Protein backbone atom coordinates (compact mmCIF):
# COMPACT_ATOMS: atom_id res chain seq x y z
CA MET A 1 -26.16 -9.55 1.99
CA ALA A 2 -25.05 -13.05 3.65
CA SER A 3 -21.96 -13.73 1.42
CA LEU A 4 -20.46 -11.01 2.42
CA LEU A 5 -21.26 -12.33 6.09
CA GLU A 6 -18.68 -15.03 5.16
CA VAL A 7 -15.77 -12.71 4.23
CA SER A 8 -13.46 -12.69 7.01
CA ASP A 9 -10.38 -11.60 5.01
CA TRP A 10 -11.91 -7.95 4.08
CA GLU A 11 -8.61 -6.14 5.22
CA ARG A 12 -6.60 -8.30 2.77
CA ILE A 13 -9.35 -7.98 -0.23
CA ALA A 14 -8.71 -3.84 -0.76
CA ARG A 15 -5.57 -3.85 0.11
CA GLN A 16 -5.63 -5.90 -3.51
CA GLU A 17 -8.21 -3.43 -4.14
CA LEU A 18 -5.99 -0.81 -3.92
CA GLU A 19 -3.23 -1.78 -5.93
CA ARG A 20 -5.22 -2.62 -9.06
CA ARG A 21 -6.66 0.46 -8.88
CA ALA A 22 -2.01 1.59 -8.42
CA THR A 23 -1.99 -0.47 -11.58
CA ARG A 24 -4.68 1.09 -13.49
CA ILE A 25 -2.64 5.11 -13.20
CA VAL A 26 0.97 3.27 -13.96
CA GLN A 27 -0.57 1.79 -16.87
CA SER A 28 -1.37 5.16 -18.40
CA LEU A 29 1.92 6.42 -18.38
CA ASP A 30 4.17 7.15 -20.55
CA ASP A 31 7.32 4.54 -21.00
CA GLY A 32 9.96 7.44 -20.03
CA THR A 33 8.61 7.58 -16.54
CA LEU A 34 7.72 3.89 -16.84
CA GLU A 35 11.66 3.86 -16.87
CA ALA A 36 12.18 6.69 -14.55
CA ILE A 37 9.88 5.30 -11.73
CA ALA A 38 12.06 1.61 -12.36
CA SER A 39 15.32 3.02 -11.98
CA GLY A 40 14.92 4.98 -8.78
CA SER A 41 15.16 8.49 -10.49
CA LEU A 42 11.76 9.56 -9.42
CA ASP A 43 9.91 9.20 -6.70
CA VAL A 44 6.41 8.82 -6.69
CA ARG A 45 5.70 8.90 -3.51
CA ALA A 46 7.78 11.94 -3.53
CA VAL A 47 5.61 13.95 -6.73
CA CYS A 48 2.67 12.27 -4.56
CA ARG A 49 3.50 14.50 -2.13
CA GLN A 50 4.28 17.47 -3.51
CA VAL A 51 1.28 17.74 -5.74
CA ALA A 52 -1.12 17.85 -2.00
CA ASP A 53 1.10 20.29 0.06
CA GLU A 54 0.78 21.66 -3.40
CA ILE A 55 -3.33 21.34 -3.23
CA LYS A 56 -3.71 22.52 -0.11
CA GLN A 57 -2.00 26.61 0.02
CA THR A 58 -4.57 26.49 -2.98
CA ALA A 59 -7.72 25.61 -0.79
C-alpha cells in the first residue's frame, strides 16, 4: 500500500492500460479488417456505437 501512495499519475497509468486493452482487441482482428481501419473505410467508433445501441434495444 505504501508504494501505491507514492504513485501520483494514476490518470496516465489508466490511459495506458486502456490503450493496452484496445491493442489486444486490435491484435485479434483479421488482416482485411485491420486494412479497413487503417485506410479509414471502417470507423471502429461508429461500429461500437451501433453495437451498443443494438444491445440497449434488446435489453
